[in-house]
């Protein structure tokens, strides 16, 4: 798991002596379960895209989330619970898929990222 002071960066995919290949949170192959900080019963999945934007959905389509809600890792899978992912920027209901979808602004500014830490 790779983090910086602002939050979750991604995960180590491969490593060797003095180097590591990191798959970032905004990579289109990344899918991460989250909880909404302040109401940890609200759970969803966020994923990256080819244009570096985070989007996702709530597992409960009637979950009450709003723009500005802070998302943290859920603790399911490889990511420990409580690492900041970002904030919800848009909420919309997709009636075709019957899902409440969200857009998320990452807490990490990947364009100015300089130092990271790896959690083993």
Protein backbone atom coordinates (compact mmCIF):
# COMPACT_ATOMS: atom_id res chain seq x y z
CA UNK A 1 0.00 0.00 0.00
CA UNK A 2 1.43 3.39 -1.02
CA UNK A 3 0.43 6.60 0.78
CA UNK A 4 1.57 10.18 1.17
CA UNK A 5 0.65 12.88 3.67
CA UNK A 6 -2.59 13.68 1.86
CA UNK A 7 -3.90 10.12 1.54
CA UNK A 8 -3.93 7.00 -0.61
CA UNK A 9 -1.63 6.90 -3.65
CA UNK A 10 -2.07 3.26 -4.73
CA UNK A 11 -0.37 -0.11 -4.41
CA UNK A 12 2.98 -1.65 -5.27
CA UNK A 13 2.63 -3.97 -8.25
CA UNK A 14 6.27 -5.03 -8.54
CA UNK A 15 9.50 -4.22 -6.73
CA UNK A 16 13.21 -4.83 -6.85
CA UNK A 17 16.33 -3.53 -5.17
CA UNK A 18 15.95 0.26 -5.05
CA UNK A 19 12.79 0.52 -7.18
CA UNK A 20 9.06 -0.20 -7.18
CA UNK A 21 6.30 -0.04 -9.78
CA UNK A 22 3.19 1.56 -8.30
CA UNK A 23 -0.35 1.31 -9.66
CA UNK A 24 -1.97 4.59 -8.67
CA UNK A 25 -5.45 5.09 -7.30
CA UNK A 26 -6.42 6.91 -10.52
CA UNK A 27 -5.30 4.03 -12.80
CA UNK A 28 -8.17 2.43 -14.72
CA UNK A 29 -7.31 -0.97 -13.21
CA UNK A 30 -7.79 0.29 -9.61
CA UNK A 31 -10.95 -0.58 -7.70
CA UNK A 32 -11.13 0.24 -4.01
CA UNK A 33 -13.91 -0.21 -1.47
CA UNK A 34 -14.59 2.82 0.69
CA UNK A 35 -16.63 4.04 3.61
CA UNK A 36 -17.99 7.52 4.10
CA UNK A 37 -16.21 9.22 6.98
CA UNK A 38 -18.80 10.26 9.53
CA UNK A 39 -21.11 7.35 8.69
CA UNK A 40 -19.02 4.22 8.32
CA UNK A 41 -22.14 2.16 7.48
CA UNK A 42 -22.16 3.74 4.01
CA UNK A 43 -20.00 1.59 1.74
CA UNK A 44 -19.15 1.77 -1.95
CA UNK A 45 -16.58 1.15 -4.65
CA UNK A 46 -14.42 3.77 -6.36
CA UNK A 47 -12.34 3.19 -9.47
CA UNK A 48 -9.91 5.09 -11.65
CA UNK A 49 -10.26 5.83 -15.35
CA UNK A 50 -8.03 6.37 -18.36
CA UNK A 51 -8.36 10.15 -17.94
CA UNK A 52 -7.31 10.05 -14.27
CA UNK A 53 -10.77 10.74 -12.84
CA UNK A 54 -12.22 8.81 -9.90
CA UNK A 55 -15.82 7.64 -9.99
CA UNK A 56 -17.79 5.01 -8.15
CA UNK A 57 -21.06 3.87 -6.73
CA UNK A 58 -22.72 3.18 -3.41
CA UNK A 59 -23.56 -0.44 -2.56
CA UNK A 60 -26.85 0.79 -1.08
CA UNK A 61 -28.62 2.79 -3.79
CA UNK A 62 -30.61 4.67 -1.13
CA UNK A 63 -27.51 5.75 0.83
CA UNK A 64 -27.58 9.43 1.80
CA UNK A 65 -24.33 10.93 0.55
CA UNK A 66 -23.68 14.50 -0.50
CA UNK A 67 -21.06 16.55 -2.27
CA UNK A 68 -18.15 17.19 0.07
CA UNK A 69 -18.43 13.88 1.97
CA UNK A 70 -14.97 12.48 2.71
CA UNK A 71 -14.18 8.90 1.63
CA UNK A 72 -11.74 6.58 3.42
CA UNK A 73 -10.61 3.03 2.71
CA UNK A 74 -12.97 0.42 4.14
CA UNK A 75 -10.40 -2.13 5.32
CA UNK A 76 -11.64 -4.79 2.88
CA UNK A 77 -8.98 -6.14 0.56
CA UNK A 78 -5.35 -5.02 0.70
CA UNK A 79 -5.94 -1.47 1.92
CA UNK A 80 -6.10 -0.88 5.71
CA UNK A 81 -9.16 0.98 6.99
CA UNK A 82 -9.18 4.74 7.39
CA UNK A 83 -6.79 6.00 4.71
CA UNK A 84 -8.23 9.09 3.04
CA UNK A 85 -9.20 8.65 -0.63
CA UNK A 86 -10.89 11.96 -1.44
CA UNK A 87 -14.14 13.91 -1.41
CA UNK A 88 -17.36 13.45 -3.34
CA UNK A 89 -17.79 16.14 -6.01
CA UNK A 90 -21.00 14.91 -7.64
CA UNK A 91 -23.85 12.53 -6.76
CA UNK A 92 -26.34 11.19 -9.30
CA UNK A 93 -28.79 8.29 -9.51
CA UNK A 94 -28.46 6.00 -12.53
CA UNK A 95 -31.95 4.57 -13.03
CA UNK A 96 -30.77 2.12 -15.71
CA UNK A 97 -28.33 0.41 -13.34
CA UNK A 98 -30.29 1.36 -10.20
CA UNK A 99 -27.13 2.67 -8.58
CA UNK A 100 -26.24 5.90 -6.86
CA UNK A 101 -23.08 7.00 -8.67
CA UNK A 102 -20.48 9.46 -7.46
CA UNK A 103 -17.54 11.45 -8.80
CA UNK A 104 -14.60 11.87 -6.45
CA UNK A 105 -11.71 14.34 -6.23
CA UNK A 106 -8.64 12.54 -4.94
CA UNK A 107 -7.00 13.92 -1.79
CA UNK A 108 -3.63 13.42 -3.50
CA UNK A 109 -2.46 15.87 -6.16
CA UNK A 110 -0.73 13.40 -8.47
CA UNK A 111 0.76 16.18 -10.61
CA UNK A 112 2.88 17.49 -7.73
CA UNK A 113 3.49 14.23 -5.86
CA UNK A 114 7.12 13.93 -4.73
CA UNK A 115 7.44 11.59 -1.75
CA UNK A 116 5.47 8.52 -0.80
CA UNK A 117 5.59 5.84 1.86
CA UNK A 118 4.97 2.12 1.49
CA UNK A 119 2.96 0.31 4.18
CA UNK A 120 3.91 -3.35 4.43
